[in-house]
């Protein structure tokens, strides 16, 4: 018998879309716009003022570590870091706790006015904290929370709730109802289902809103400026402004302080990047 050879089809090359080069170019531009100022601040902290004046843009030669040594060796930076950390942790815990409870009620319960409540939270995204600066200041003064770290953390948590609920509600709503029915059949209460099943399944979304709340609180400048006036209570953004006004002529040390203040939030954001993307993807699908 004669063997029959079957000709294999020649794979066709997929034509290169015109949008692909522009997409890469746009991505490179965004990366450049984001990273260049950060790299300039980090590298500038390793230079002297003479180097910055003679060559504003360049690699340190020689590398100088005294600027960072002065920043990390003093108590001012660590005090501001501790204040920022305390405020950010309190705001994050409150945001995640109340946001999870509100998201659970708005996603798993059916009651009159549910969509109106959700719309109210959605509308809250349109109001920045600067729009409520004056009434918020008067309210905090009335309740005695000026010069108090809670006076910063509580409003930050309140203004972070809208975006938290907008992310959590679709994610929790997408969890199949059969899981809840099975839990009820096994004797689990609504609260038990929320604590033992819903929260673990919503971990990606919870991580997303926690990181967003932490970074937003960490970078906030306006609210701490309104509430805090004692330098011992300053957060890192206020500390950067105060340090810059104090060492106006020492540009290299100011750059070192600025770079050091960005590292904690940047490290957290990079560490939790996958969880943020997963939480946002689940929210969009839901």
Protein backbone atom coordinates (compact mmCIF):
# COMPACT_ATOMS: atom_id res chain seq x y z
CA UNK A 1 0.00 0.00 0.00
CA UNK A 2 1.18 3.49 -0.80
CA UNK A 3 1.41 5.86 2.12
CA UNK A 4 -0.56 9.03 1.62
CA UNK A 5 1.09 12.18 2.88
CA UNK A 6 -1.31 14.79 4.14
CA UNK A 7 -0.06 18.31 3.58
CA UNK A 8 -0.05 20.37 6.73
CA UNK A 9 -1.60 23.82 6.37
CA UNK A 10 0.88 26.66 6.60
CA UNK A 11 0.12 28.74 9.68
CA UNK A 12 -0.79 32.25 8.84
CA UNK A 13 0.83 35.11 10.61
CA UNK A 14 -1.58 37.33 12.42
CA UNK A 15 -1.38 40.81 10.97
CA UNK A 16 0.07 43.36 13.35
CA UNK A 17 -2.60 45.75 14.43
CA UNK A 18 -1.84 49.43 14.07
CA UNK A 19 -3.08 49.96 17.58
CA UNK A 20 -0.37 47.73 19.11
CA UNK A 21 2.61 50.11 18.61
CA UNK A 22 0.54 53.03 19.87
CA UNK A 23 -0.50 50.98 22.92
CA UNK A 24 3.14 50.22 23.74
CA UNK A 25 4.07 53.85 23.18
CA UNK A 26 1.28 55.05 25.47
CA UNK A 27 2.33 52.51 28.13
CA UNK A 28 5.96 53.68 27.92
CA UNK A 29 4.89 57.32 28.21
CA UNK A 30 2.77 56.57 31.28
CA UNK A 31 5.60 54.58 32.86
CA UNK A 32 8.03 57.39 32.12
CA UNK A 33 5.75 60.08 33.54
CA UNK A 34 5.24 57.97 36.68
CA UNK A 35 8.77 56.72 37.31
CA UNK A 36 10.93 59.65 36.23
CA UNK A 37 9.95 61.97 39.14
CA UNK A 38 10.33 59.07 41.58
CA UNK A 39 13.76 58.15 40.25
CA UNK A 40 14.79 61.81 40.25
CA UNK A 41 13.86 62.14 43.93
CA UNK A 42 15.57 58.88 44.93
CA UNK A 43 18.77 59.56 42.99
CA UNK A 44 18.76 63.24 43.96
CA UNK A 45 18.94 62.17 47.60
CA UNK A 46 22.27 60.51 46.86
CA UNK A 47 23.77 63.71 45.44
CA UNK A 48 25.07 66.93 46.89
CA UNK A 49 23.63 70.37 46.29
CA UNK A 50 26.69 71.24 44.21
CA UNK A 51 26.02 68.25 41.95
CA UNK A 52 22.36 69.22 41.60
CA UNK A 53 23.27 72.80 40.73
CA UNK A 54 25.91 71.86 38.16
CA UNK A 55 24.02 68.89 36.64
CA UNK A 56 20.35 68.83 37.70
CA UNK A 57 19.74 65.54 35.88
CA UNK A 58 22.37 62.84 36.22
CA UNK A 59 23.69 59.85 38.09
CA UNK A 60 25.27 60.57 41.48
CA UNK A 61 29.06 60.74 41.20
CA UNK A 62 30.17 60.09 43.84
CA UNK A 63 27.24 58.57 45.72
CA UNK A 64 26.47 60.43 48.94
CA UNK A 65 24.56 58.63 51.71
CA UNK A 66 24.73 61.40 54.29
CA UNK A 67 21.36 62.86 53.19
CA UNK A 68 19.50 59.62 53.84
CA UNK A 69 21.55 59.04 56.99
CA UNK A 70 20.42 62.42 58.33
CA UNK A 71 16.77 61.67 57.46
CA UNK A 72 16.68 58.19 58.98
CA UNK A 73 18.92 59.15 61.87
CA UNK A 74 16.62 61.90 63.16
CA UNK A 75 13.44 61.49 65.15
CA UNK A 76 11.36 63.86 63.01
CA UNK A 77 10.96 61.39 60.16
CA UNK A 78 10.10 58.45 62.41
CA UNK A 79 7.56 60.47 64.38
CA UNK A 80 5.81 61.52 61.18
CA UNK A 81 5.99 57.93 59.91
CA UNK A 82 4.38 56.64 63.11
CA UNK A 83 1.61 59.25 62.90
CA UNK A 84 0.90 58.39 59.26
CA UNK A 85 0.90 54.68 60.06
CA UNK A 86 -1.51 55.06 62.98
CA UNK A 87 -3.93 57.21 60.97
CA UNK A 88 -3.75 54.99 57.89
CA UNK A 89 -4.32 51.79 59.89
CA UNK A 90 -7.31 53.23 61.77
CA UNK A 91 -8.85 54.59 58.56
CA UNK A 92 -8.25 51.31 56.73
CA UNK A 93 -9.74 49.11 59.46
CA UNK A 94 -12.84 51.31 59.76
CA UNK A 95 -13.26 51.52 55.98
CA UNK A 96 -13.00 47.77 55.44
CA UNK A 97 -15.19 46.87 58.44
CA UNK A 98 -18.08 49.25 57.73
CA UNK A 99 -17.71 48.87 53.96
CA UNK A 100 -17.95 45.08 54.22
CA UNK A 101 -21.06 45.27 56.40
CA UNK A 102 -22.72 47.81 54.10
CA UNK A 103 -21.74 45.82 51.01
CA UNK A 104 -23.19 42.66 52.56
CA UNK A 105 -26.50 44.34 53.35
CA UNK A 106 -26.78 45.98 49.93
CA UNK A 107 -25.88 42.82 48.04
CA UNK A 108 -27.54 39.95 49.93
CA UNK A 109 -30.63 41.56 51.46
CA UNK A 110 -33.74 42.73 49.63
CA UNK A 111 -35.46 45.69 51.24
CA UNK A 112 -37.25 48.82 50.19
CA UNK A 113 -34.90 51.62 49.20
CA UNK A 114 -31.87 49.38 48.72
CA UNK A 115 -30.99 50.81 45.31
CA UNK A 116 -31.55 54.34 46.60
CA UNK A 117 -29.01 53.74 49.37
CA UNK A 118 -26.53 52.33 46.87
CA UNK A 119 -27.08 55.31 44.58
CA UNK A 120 -26.44 57.61 47.52
CA UNK A 121 -23.07 55.98 48.12
CA UNK A 122 -22.30 56.17 44.40
CA UNK A 123 -23.07 59.89 44.37
CA UNK A 124 -20.61 60.24 47.25
CA UNK A 125 -17.83 59.56 44.75
CA UNK A 126 -18.52 62.96 43.19
CA UNK A 127 -17.76 64.94 46.34
CA UNK A 128 -14.07 65.38 47.17
CA UNK A 129 -12.96 66.02 50.71
CA UNK A 130 -11.95 69.57 49.78
CA UNK A 131 -15.61 70.44 49.17
CA UNK A 132 -16.41 69.71 52.81
CA UNK A 133 -13.26 71.19 54.33
CA UNK A 134 -14.89 74.12 56.15
CA UNK A 135 -17.96 72.32 57.63
CA UNK A 136 -15.76 69.34 58.51
CA UNK A 137 -13.33 71.60 60.35
CA UNK A 138 -16.16 73.24 62.30
CA UNK A 139 -17.63 69.83 63.18
CA UNK A 140 -14.31 68.46 64.39
CA UNK A 141 -13.73 71.56 66.48
CA UNK A 142 -17.18 71.17 68.01
CA UNK A 143 -16.61 67.55 69.03
CA UNK A 144 -13.06 68.21 70.24
CA UNK A 145 -11.13 66.21 67.65
CA UNK A 146 -8.75 68.92 66.51
CA UNK A 147 -5.10 68.11 67.25
CA UNK A 148 -6.17 64.47 67.44
CA UNK A 149 -5.16 61.68 65.08
CA UNK A 150 -8.73 60.38 65.21
CA UNK A 151 -9.87 63.70 63.78
CA UNK A 152 -7.98 62.76 60.62
CA UNK A 153 -8.67 59.02 60.52
CA UNK A 154 -12.46 59.15 60.99
CA UNK A 155 -13.20 61.56 58.10
CA UNK A 156 -10.78 59.68 55.87
CA UNK A 157 -12.66 56.45 56.55
CA UNK A 158 -15.98 58.18 55.85
CA UNK A 159 -14.82 59.56 52.51
CA UNK A 160 -13.34 56.17 51.56
CA UNK A 161 -16.63 54.32 52.12
CA UNK A 162 -18.27 55.17 48.74
CA UNK A 163 -15.55 53.64 46.59
CA UNK A 164 -15.30 50.72 49.03
CA UNK A 165 -18.99 49.91 48.75
CA UNK A 166 -18.97 50.38 44.97
CA UNK A 167 -16.23 47.72 44.75
CA UNK A 168 -17.53 45.31 47.40
CA UNK A 169 -21.21 45.22 46.53
CA UNK A 170 -20.89 43.74 43.00
CA UNK A 171 -18.22 41.32 44.21
CA UNK A 172 -20.41 40.01 47.06
CA UNK A 173 -23.48 39.97 44.87
CA UNK A 174 -21.69 37.71 42.34
CA UNK A 175 -21.19 34.97 44.95
CA UNK A 176 -23.75 32.25 44.11
CA UNK A 177 -26.84 32.12 46.26
CA UNK A 178 -26.57 28.32 46.37
CA UNK A 179 -23.63 28.69 48.75
CA UNK A 180 -25.74 30.74 51.12
CA UNK A 181 -28.65 28.29 50.83
CA UNK A 182 -26.34 25.38 51.65
CA UNK A 183 -24.98 27.26 54.64
CA UNK A 184 -28.51 27.97 55.90
CA UNK A 185 -29.43 24.29 55.51
CA UNK A 186 -26.38 23.39 57.61
CA UNK A 187 -27.65 25.68 60.34
CA UNK A 188 -25.51 28.74 59.70
CA UNK A 189 -27.08 32.09 60.52
CA UNK A 190 -26.89 35.14 58.29
CA UNK A 191 -24.16 36.56 60.49
CA UNK A 192 -22.30 33.25 60.42
CA UNK A 193 -22.51 33.15 56.63
CA UNK A 194 -21.13 36.67 56.47
CA UNK A 195 -18.25 35.99 58.85
CA UNK A 196 -17.26 32.44 57.92
CA UNK A 197 -18.04 32.22 54.21
CA UNK A 198 -18.66 35.57 52.54
CA UNK A 199 -15.64 37.41 53.96
CA UNK A 200 -13.12 34.67 53.04
CA UNK A 201 -14.58 34.46 49.51
CA UNK A 202 -14.38 38.27 49.23
CA UNK A 203 -10.73 38.42 50.26
CA UNK A 204 -9.47 39.78 46.88
CA UNK A 205 -11.96 42.66 46.97
CA UNK A 206 -11.29 43.31 50.65
CA UNK A 207 -7.57 43.47 49.94
CA UNK A 208 -8.22 45.90 47.10
CA UNK A 209 -10.26 48.33 49.16
CA UNK A 210 -7.84 48.01 52.10
CA UNK A 211 -4.84 48.96 49.95
CA UNK A 212 -6.72 51.81 48.29
CA UNK A 213 -7.87 53.16 51.66
CA UNK A 214 -4.38 52.86 53.14
CA UNK A 215 -2.61 54.56 50.25
CA UNK A 216 -5.24 57.32 50.06
CA UNK A 217 -4.94 58.01 53.78
CA UNK A 218 -1.15 57.87 53.61
CA UNK A 219 -0.96 60.45 50.82
CA UNK A 220 -3.64 62.79 52.18
CA UNK A 221 -2.42 66.31 52.81
CA UNK A 222 -5.45 68.59 53.09
CA UNK A 223 -7.22 66.96 56.03
CA UNK A 224 -4.11 66.62 58.25
CA UNK A 225 -3.25 70.23 57.45
CA UNK A 226 -6.71 71.34 58.68
CA UNK A 227 -6.72 69.23 61.85
CA UNK A 228 -3.09 69.11 62.97
CA UNK A 229 -0.91 72.11 63.80
CA UNK A 230 1.52 70.60 66.31
CA UNK A 231 4.70 69.42 64.50
CA UNK A 232 4.78 66.36 66.77
CA UNK A 233 1.47 65.25 65.23
CA UNK A 234 2.44 65.84 61.61
CA UNK A 235 2.00 63.07 59.08
CA UNK A 236 4.59 62.41 56.38
CA UNK A 237 3.00 64.70 53.75
CA UNK A 238 2.93 67.53 56.30
CA UNK A 239 6.43 66.57 57.38
CA UNK A 240 7.68 66.86 53.81
CA UNK A 241 6.21 70.36 53.49
CA UNK A 242 7.60 71.41 56.86
CA UNK A 243 10.99 69.89 56.09
CA UNK A 244 11.08 71.65 52.73
CA UNK A 245 10.34 75.03 54.30
CA UNK A 246 12.96 74.41 56.98
CA UNK A 247 15.72 73.30 54.60
CA UNK A 248 14.88 75.42 51.58
CA UNK A 249 18.47 75.67 50.40
CA UNK A 250 19.32 72.01 51.03
CA UNK A 251 17.61 70.51 47.98
CA UNK A 252 19.40 67.16 48.20
CA UNK A 253 18.22 66.53 51.75
CA UNK A 254 14.66 67.54 50.82
CA UNK A 255 14.72 65.03 47.95
CA UNK A 256 15.97 62.34 50.32
CA UNK A 257 13.15 63.07 52.79
CA UNK A 258 10.58 63.05 49.98
CA UNK A 259 11.83 59.74 48.57
CA UNK A 260 11.86 58.13 52.02
CA UNK A 261 8.27 59.22 52.67
CA UNK A 262 7.08 57.55 49.45
CA UNK A 263 8.72 54.17 50.00
CA UNK A 264 6.28 52.59 52.54
CA UNK A 265 3.13 53.23 50.50
CA UNK A 266 4.91 52.32 47.27
CA UNK A 267 6.13 49.05 48.77
CA UNK A 268 2.64 48.15 49.99
CA UNK A 269 1.13 48.97 46.61
CA UNK A 270 3.67 46.82 44.73
CA UNK A 271 3.25 43.94 47.20
CA UNK A 272 -0.55 43.90 46.88
CA UNK A 273 -0.73 44.66 43.13
CA UNK A 274 -2.10 41.23 42.18
CA UNK A 275 -4.79 41.37 44.84
CA UNK A 276 -5.85 44.83 43.69
CA UNK A 277 -6.25 43.68 40.08
CA UNK A 278 -8.12 40.55 41.16
CA UNK A 279 -10.52 42.49 43.36
CA UNK A 280 -11.26 45.07 40.68
CA UNK A 281 -11.76 42.34 38.05
CA UNK A 282 -14.22 40.50 40.27
CA UNK A 283 -16.05 43.73 40.98
CA UNK A 284 -16.40 44.51 37.27
CA UNK A 285 -17.61 41.00 36.49
CA UNK A 286 -20.11 41.16 39.31
